[in-house]
Amino acid sequence: MKAGSTLEKVLTAGEFAVTAELGPPANANADAIKKKAKHCAGVVDAANVTDNQTAVVRMSSIAASAIAIQSGVEPVAQMVCRDRNRIAMQSDLLGAAALGVKNILCLAGDHQTFGNHPGAKGVYDLDSLQLVSMVKKMRDDKVFLNGEPIKEHEPKFFIGAVENPFADPFEFRVFRLAKKITAGADFIQTQCIFDMPRFERWMKLVVDRGLHEKTYIMGGITPVRSHRALIYMKNNVAGMSIPDELITRMEGAKDPKEEGVKIALETIEQIRNIKGVSGLHLMPIGWESITETILEKAGLLPRPKV
């Protein structure tokens, strides 16, 4: 075990893992985290605690992760490169480990111009690849990025990264994935999957290179409640691939919410049958209450005991 987290144990046991998303509030209300945690406790293996998602100021992901632990939910604390230099990152990693966080997800972060402080200075002292490598050095080599030793109590994390199978250039995404694995990514969460044929092509390239044997890949699933949500993502979220027929299907549905759940369940069933996929990451944006329903209907409850 690299960190001994539940997520790591489930994946290494060969079980189909499930994570969800837990977004901190744009205030200091701890009860908001506890309320969302109720939708995750006992039904997912871990929950991503986002780090100033969409570049909007929110409660610290590390503080929110500590509250999640108190609420019975294992967190995957996100850390973005946008807001911290390497000193602050390493400091926060030590703090997160001290608070009991065992999973960390390394990503670049949405550019600040898309958020509520567009004039803020983006730090980007390290990129996401370098961040993964730094966390691995702290864990395995027991050193800080400058080479100085961590004499004891080095942070033990199960290290995650993200990948987008739908962004262009298509073939480059597999090379990018390989670099993240080499840097130390123990697991990968993907962008939301709506374009199944493209995801299947990407996974074939992943499997052909044997990358699925070097990391655990979790497919991203986002249940939507209206066709307008799909149109918004298609037009405004970079690197998204949403087929027009899916939008038409949602638009013509008598009950869009029910149809959104059906589409999510169909997607889950399909990715479970794709070689190399080890789990799913459920991202019910603003619809956390649907988490248990989807997982129960997908036959993913109860979660395995490891």
Protein backbone atom coordinates (compact mmCIF):
# COMPACT_ATOMS: atom_id res chain seq x y z
CA MET A 1 0.00 0.00 0.00
CA LYS A 2 1.27 3.46 -0.93
CA ALA A 3 -1.14 5.31 1.32
CA GLY A 4 -3.61 2.73 2.58
CA SER A 5 -6.70 4.67 1.55
CA THR A 6 -9.99 2.90 0.91
CA LEU A 7 -9.83 3.99 -2.73
CA GLU A 8 -6.40 2.40 -3.11
CA LYS A 9 -7.54 -0.81 -1.41
CA VAL A 10 -10.63 -1.14 -3.63
CA LEU A 11 -8.64 -0.61 -6.82
CA THR A 12 -5.76 -2.90 -5.88
CA ALA A 13 -8.28 -5.59 -4.93
CA GLY A 14 -9.56 -5.51 -8.50
CA GLU A 15 -12.97 -4.14 -7.57
CA PHE A 16 -14.73 -1.54 -9.74
CA ALA A 17 -14.11 1.68 -7.78
CA VAL A 18 -16.51 4.59 -7.39
CA THR A 19 -15.73 8.19 -6.53
CA ALA A 20 -18.02 11.21 -6.53
CA GLU A 21 -17.57 14.95 -6.24
CA LEU A 22 -18.00 17.17 -3.20
CA GLY A 23 -17.75 20.88 -3.93
CA PRO A 24 -16.97 23.24 -1.03
CA PRO A 25 -19.23 26.28 -0.60
CA ALA A 26 -18.34 29.88 -1.38
CA ASN A 27 -18.56 30.68 2.33
CA ALA A 28 -17.33 29.40 5.70
CA ASN A 29 -20.28 27.11 6.44
CA ALA A 30 -19.01 23.70 7.56
CA ASP A 31 -22.57 22.36 7.55
CA ALA A 32 -22.66 22.72 3.76
CA ILE A 33 -19.89 20.12 3.53
CA LYS A 34 -21.61 17.86 6.05
CA LYS A 35 -24.87 18.04 4.11
CA LYS A 36 -23.21 17.03 0.83
CA ALA A 37 -21.21 14.35 2.64
CA LYS A 38 -24.47 12.59 3.57
CA HIS A 39 -24.98 11.79 -0.13
CA CYS A 40 -21.53 10.17 -0.29
CA ALA A 41 -21.07 8.40 3.05
CA GLY A 42 -21.23 4.65 2.58
CA VAL A 43 -22.08 4.82 -1.13
CA VAL A 44 -18.74 5.83 -2.69
CA ASP A 45 -15.17 4.78 -1.98
CA ALA A 46 -13.98 8.40 -1.86
CA ALA A 47 -15.18 11.87 -2.81
CA ASN A 48 -13.24 14.55 -4.69
CA VAL A 49 -13.09 17.79 -2.74
CA THR A 50 -12.61 20.45 -5.39
CA ASP A 51 -10.02 23.23 -5.14
CA ASN A 52 -11.59 26.61 -6.00
CA GLN A 53 -13.46 24.96 -8.86
CA THR A 54 -14.01 27.10 -11.99
CA ALA A 55 -11.55 29.60 -10.46
CA VAL A 56 -14.22 30.83 -8.06
CA VAL A 57 -13.26 31.47 -4.43
CA ARG A 58 -14.55 28.67 -2.22
CA MET A 59 -13.67 27.06 1.10
CA SER A 60 -10.20 25.50 1.15
CA SER A 61 -10.20 21.98 -0.29
CA ILE A 62 -7.96 20.81 2.55
CA ALA A 63 -10.20 22.26 5.27
CA ALA A 64 -13.25 20.82 3.53
CA SER A 65 -11.48 17.46 3.28
CA ALA A 66 -10.96 17.45 7.04
CA ILE A 67 -14.68 18.11 7.54
CA ALA A 68 -15.48 15.30 5.09
CA ILE A 69 -13.36 12.89 7.15
CA GLN A 70 -15.28 13.91 10.27
CA SER A 71 -18.49 13.20 8.32
CA GLY A 72 -17.45 9.67 7.42
CA VAL A 73 -16.33 10.33 3.85
CA GLU A 74 -12.85 9.60 2.56
CA PRO A 75 -11.70 12.65 0.56
CA VAL A 76 -9.66 12.97 -2.58
CA ALA A 77 -8.26 16.45 -1.96
CA GLN A 78 -7.73 18.34 -5.19
CA MET A 79 -4.72 20.60 -5.60
CA VAL A 80 -4.44 23.00 -8.53
CA CYS A 81 -1.31 24.67 -9.84
CA ARG A 82 -3.06 27.97 -10.48
CA ASP A 83 -3.02 29.35 -6.93
CA ARG A 84 0.19 28.20 -5.22
CA ASN A 85 3.93 28.17 -5.70
CA ARG A 86 5.99 25.10 -4.79
CA ILE A 87 6.53 26.29 -1.21
CA ALA A 88 2.80 26.65 -0.52
CA MET A 89 2.03 23.38 -2.29
CA GLN A 90 4.47 21.37 -0.19
CA SER A 91 3.28 23.09 2.96
CA ASP A 92 -0.35 22.26 2.14
CA LEU A 93 0.56 18.67 1.31
CA LEU A 94 2.15 18.26 4.74
CA GLY A 95 -0.91 19.83 6.34
CA ALA A 96 -3.32 17.63 4.40
CA ALA A 97 -1.44 14.49 5.42
CA ALA A 98 -1.43 15.60 9.05
CA LEU A 99 -5.23 15.99 8.89
CA GLY A 100 -5.67 12.44 7.63
CA VAL A 101 -6.00 13.00 3.88
CA LYS A 102 -4.70 9.96 1.96
CA ASN A 103 -5.70 10.73 -1.63
CA ILE A 104 -4.56 13.75 -3.63
CA LEU A 105 -5.60 14.78 -7.15
CA CYS A 106 -3.14 16.96 -9.05
CA LEU A 107 -4.40 19.25 -11.80
CA ALA A 108 -3.62 22.59 -13.42
CA GLY A 109 -6.94 24.25 -12.54
CA ASP A 110 -9.30 26.43 -14.56
CA HIS A 111 -7.63 29.65 -15.68
CA GLN A 112 -8.35 32.58 -13.36
CA THR A 113 -9.89 34.66 -16.17
CA PHE A 114 -12.87 32.27 -16.13
CA GLY A 115 -13.58 32.85 -12.44
CA ASN A 116 -14.78 35.64 -10.18
CA HIS A 117 -11.34 37.24 -9.82
CA PRO A 118 -10.21 37.51 -13.45
CA GLY A 119 -7.52 40.03 -12.52
CA ALA A 120 -5.83 37.60 -10.13
CA LYS A 121 -2.29 36.56 -10.93
CA GLY A 122 -2.02 32.92 -11.93
CA VAL A 123 0.92 31.26 -10.21
CA TYR A 124 1.55 28.08 -12.24
CA ASP A 125 4.99 27.71 -10.64
CA LEU A 126 4.63 24.00 -11.48
CA ASP A 127 2.45 22.33 -14.06
CA SER A 128 0.25 19.33 -13.22
CA LEU A 129 2.88 16.84 -14.42
CA GLN A 130 5.53 18.42 -12.18
CA LEU A 131 3.09 18.48 -9.28
CA VAL A 132 2.49 14.73 -9.60
CA SER A 133 6.24 14.16 -9.66
CA MET A 134 6.79 16.36 -6.60
CA VAL A 135 4.15 14.52 -4.54
CA LYS A 136 5.74 11.20 -5.48
CA LYS A 137 9.21 12.43 -4.44
CA MET A 138 7.86 13.55 -1.08
CA ARG A 139 6.19 10.17 -0.56
CA ASP A 140 8.71 7.70 -1.97
CA ASP A 141 12.04 9.49 -1.74
CA LYS A 142 11.20 11.39 1.46
CA VAL A 143 12.56 14.65 0.06
CA PHE A 144 11.25 18.09 -0.71
CA LEU A 145 11.48 19.38 -4.25
CA ASN A 146 14.81 21.09 -3.45
CA GLY A 147 16.31 17.76 -2.38
CA GLU A 148 16.26 18.37 1.36
CA PRO A 149 15.17 15.29 3.30
CA ILE A 150 11.87 14.91 5.09
CA LYS A 151 13.39 13.33 8.18
CA GLU A 152 10.22 11.64 9.39
CA HIS A 153 6.48 11.57 8.84
CA GLU A 154 6.65 12.01 5.08
CA PRO A 155 3.19 12.50 3.49
CA LYS A 156 1.73 9.24 2.19
CA PHE A 157 -0.69 9.88 -0.66
CA PHE A 158 -2.44 7.79 -3.28
CA ILE A 159 -1.72 10.12 -6.20
CA GLY A 160 -4.28 10.98 -8.85
CA ALA A 161 -4.27 13.01 -12.07
CA VAL A 162 -6.81 13.85 -14.74
CA GLU A 163 -6.97 13.28 -18.48
CA ASN A 164 -9.30 14.40 -21.24
CA PRO A 165 -9.82 11.80 -23.99
CA PHE A 166 -11.89 14.28 -26.00
CA ALA A 167 -9.48 17.19 -26.44
CA ASP A 168 -7.41 17.67 -29.58
CA PRO A 169 -4.98 16.55 -30.82
CA PHE A 170 -6.57 13.18 -30.07
CA GLU A 171 -3.52 10.93 -30.29
CA PHE A 172 -1.48 13.25 -28.07
CA ARG A 173 -3.79 12.59 -25.12
CA VAL A 174 -2.38 9.07 -24.76
CA PHE A 175 1.22 10.38 -24.76
CA ARG A 176 0.19 12.91 -22.13
CA LEU A 177 -1.34 10.11 -20.06
CA ALA A 178 1.88 8.10 -20.32
CA LYS A 179 3.88 11.07 -19.03
CA LYS A 180 1.61 11.42 -16.01
CA ILE A 181 1.96 7.74 -15.23
CA THR A 182 5.74 7.98 -15.47
CA ALA A 183 5.64 10.99 -13.16
CA GLY A 184 3.80 8.94 -10.55
CA ALA A 185 0.02 9.01 -11.12
CA ASP A 186 -1.50 6.00 -9.33
CA PHE A 187 -4.98 6.66 -10.71
CA ILE A 188 -6.56 8.76 -13.44
CA GLN A 189 -9.97 10.39 -13.60
CA THR A 190 -11.26 11.39 -17.02
CA GLN A 191 -13.38 14.24 -18.34
CA CYS A 192 -17.14 13.50 -18.50
CA ILE A 193 -17.97 10.86 -21.08
CA PHE A 194 -20.79 11.64 -23.50
CA ASP A 195 -19.08 10.64 -26.74
CA MET A 196 -18.73 6.90 -26.17
CA PRO A 197 -17.20 5.96 -29.56
CA ARG A 198 -14.37 8.48 -29.01
CA PHE A 199 -13.79 7.23 -25.47
CA GLU A 200 -13.63 3.64 -26.72
CA ARG A 201 -11.05 4.62 -29.35
CA TRP A 202 -8.96 6.37 -26.69
CA MET A 203 -9.13 3.39 -24.36
CA LYS A 204 -8.01 1.09 -27.18
CA LEU A 205 -4.90 3.24 -27.63
CA VAL A 206 -4.36 3.16 -23.86
CA VAL A 207 -4.65 -0.64 -23.73
CA ASP A 208 -2.50 -1.12 -26.84
CA ARG A 209 0.31 0.68 -25.00
CA GLY A 210 -0.28 -1.27 -21.81
CA LEU A 211 -0.95 1.90 -19.81
CA HIS A 212 -4.00 0.37 -18.11
CA GLU A 213 -1.60 -2.00 -16.35
CA LYS A 214 0.42 0.89 -14.89
CA THR A 215 -2.38 3.02 -13.47
CA TYR A 216 -6.09 2.80 -12.64
CA ILE A 217 -8.39 4.63 -15.05
CA MET A 218 -11.75 5.93 -13.81
CA GLY A 219 -14.28 7.16 -16.36
CA GLY A 220 -16.04 10.45 -15.66
CA ILE A 221 -19.86 10.39 -15.57
CA THR A 222 -22.06 13.50 -15.33
CA PRO A 223 -25.84 13.02 -15.08
CA VAL A 224 -27.65 16.05 -16.50
CA ARG A 225 -31.13 17.40 -15.84
CA SER A 226 -31.86 19.22 -19.10
CA HIS A 227 -30.78 19.54 -22.72
CA ARG A 228 -29.71 23.10 -21.91
CA ALA A 229 -26.98 21.74 -19.63
CA LEU A 230 -25.60 19.71 -22.53
CA ILE A 231 -25.75 22.70 -24.88
CA TYR A 232 -23.92 24.85 -22.33
CA MET A 233 -21.15 22.27 -21.90
CA LYS A 234 -20.86 21.75 -25.63
CA ASN A 235 -20.48 25.49 -26.30
CA ASN A 236 -18.64 26.71 -23.22
CA VAL A 237 -16.52 23.93 -21.73
CA ALA A 238 -13.23 23.39 -23.53
CA GLY A 239 -12.44 19.85 -24.60
CA MET A 240 -16.00 18.52 -24.36
CA SER A 241 -17.46 16.23 -27.02
CA ILE A 242 -21.25 15.98 -26.88
CA PRO A 243 -23.11 14.33 -29.79
CA ASP A 244 -26.07 16.29 -31.14
CA GLU A 245 -28.28 13.20 -30.93
CA LEU A 246 -27.82 13.18 -27.16
CA ILE A 247 -29.03 16.77 -26.96
CA THR A 248 -32.04 15.89 -29.15
CA ARG A 249 -32.82 12.90 -26.93
CA MET A 250 -32.79 15.04 -23.78
CA GLU A 251 -34.82 17.80 -25.43
CA GLY A 252 -37.55 15.37 -26.46
CA ALA A 253 -37.77 13.60 -23.11
CA LYS A 254 -41.03 13.80 -21.14
CA ASP A 255 -39.04 13.78 -17.90
CA PRO A 256 -35.56 15.22 -18.57
CA LYS A 257 -34.23 14.30 -15.12
CA GLU A 258 -35.29 10.68 -15.54
CA GLU A 259 -33.77 10.63 -19.03
CA GLY A 260 -30.52 12.10 -17.67
CA VAL A 261 -30.33 9.26 -15.15
CA LYS A 262 -31.00 6.70 -17.91
CA ILE A 263 -28.19 8.11 -20.02
CA ALA A 264 -25.81 8.02 -17.04
CA LEU A 265 -26.74 4.39 -16.33
CA GLU A 266 -26.24 3.41 -19.96
CA THR A 267 -22.83 5.08 -19.94
CA ILE A 268 -21.81 3.33 -16.73
CA GLU A 269 -22.82 -0.05 -18.16
CA GLN A 270 -20.81 0.60 -21.30
CA ILE A 271 -17.63 1.72 -19.55
CA ARG A 272 -17.77 -1.28 -17.19
CA ASN A 273 -17.38 -3.47 -20.26
CA ILE A 274 -14.41 -1.59 -21.71
CA LYS A 275 -11.06 -3.22 -21.10
CA GLY A 276 -8.79 -1.08 -18.95
CA VAL A 277 -11.46 0.89 -17.08
CA SER A 278 -11.12 0.34 -13.33
CA GLY A 279 -13.87 2.55 -11.98
CA LEU A 280 -16.06 5.59 -12.42
CA HIS A 281 -15.98 9.15 -11.16
CA LEU A 282 -19.51 10.51 -10.74
CA MET A 283 -19.86 14.27 -11.16
CA PRO A 284 -23.51 15.20 -10.57
CA ILE A 285 -22.89 18.95 -10.73
CA GLY A 286 -25.31 20.57 -8.29
CA TRP A 287 -27.30 17.32 -8.11
CA GLU A 288 -25.48 15.40 -5.38
CA SER A 289 -28.75 13.91 -4.10
CA ILE A 290 -28.94 11.63 -7.17
CA THR A 291 -25.65 9.87 -6.35
CA GLU A 292 -27.05 6.96 -4.34
CA THR A 293 -29.95 6.42 -6.76
CA ILE A 294 -27.63 6.10 -9.75
CA LEU A 295 -25.19 3.78 -8.00
CA GLU A 296 -27.99 1.57 -6.68
CA LYS A 297 -29.62 1.29 -10.11
CA ALA A 298 -26.20 0.57 -11.64
CA GLY A 299 -25.72 -2.36 -9.28
CA LEU A 300 -22.74 -0.73 -7.57
CA LEU A 301 -24.12 -0.87 -4.04
CA PRO A 302 -23.25 -1.95 -1.48
CA ARG A 303 -19.62 -0.98 -1.88
CA PRO A 304 -17.04 -3.75 -1.33
CA LYS A 305 -15.47 -4.12 2.09
CA VAL A 306 -11.68 -4.02 1.84
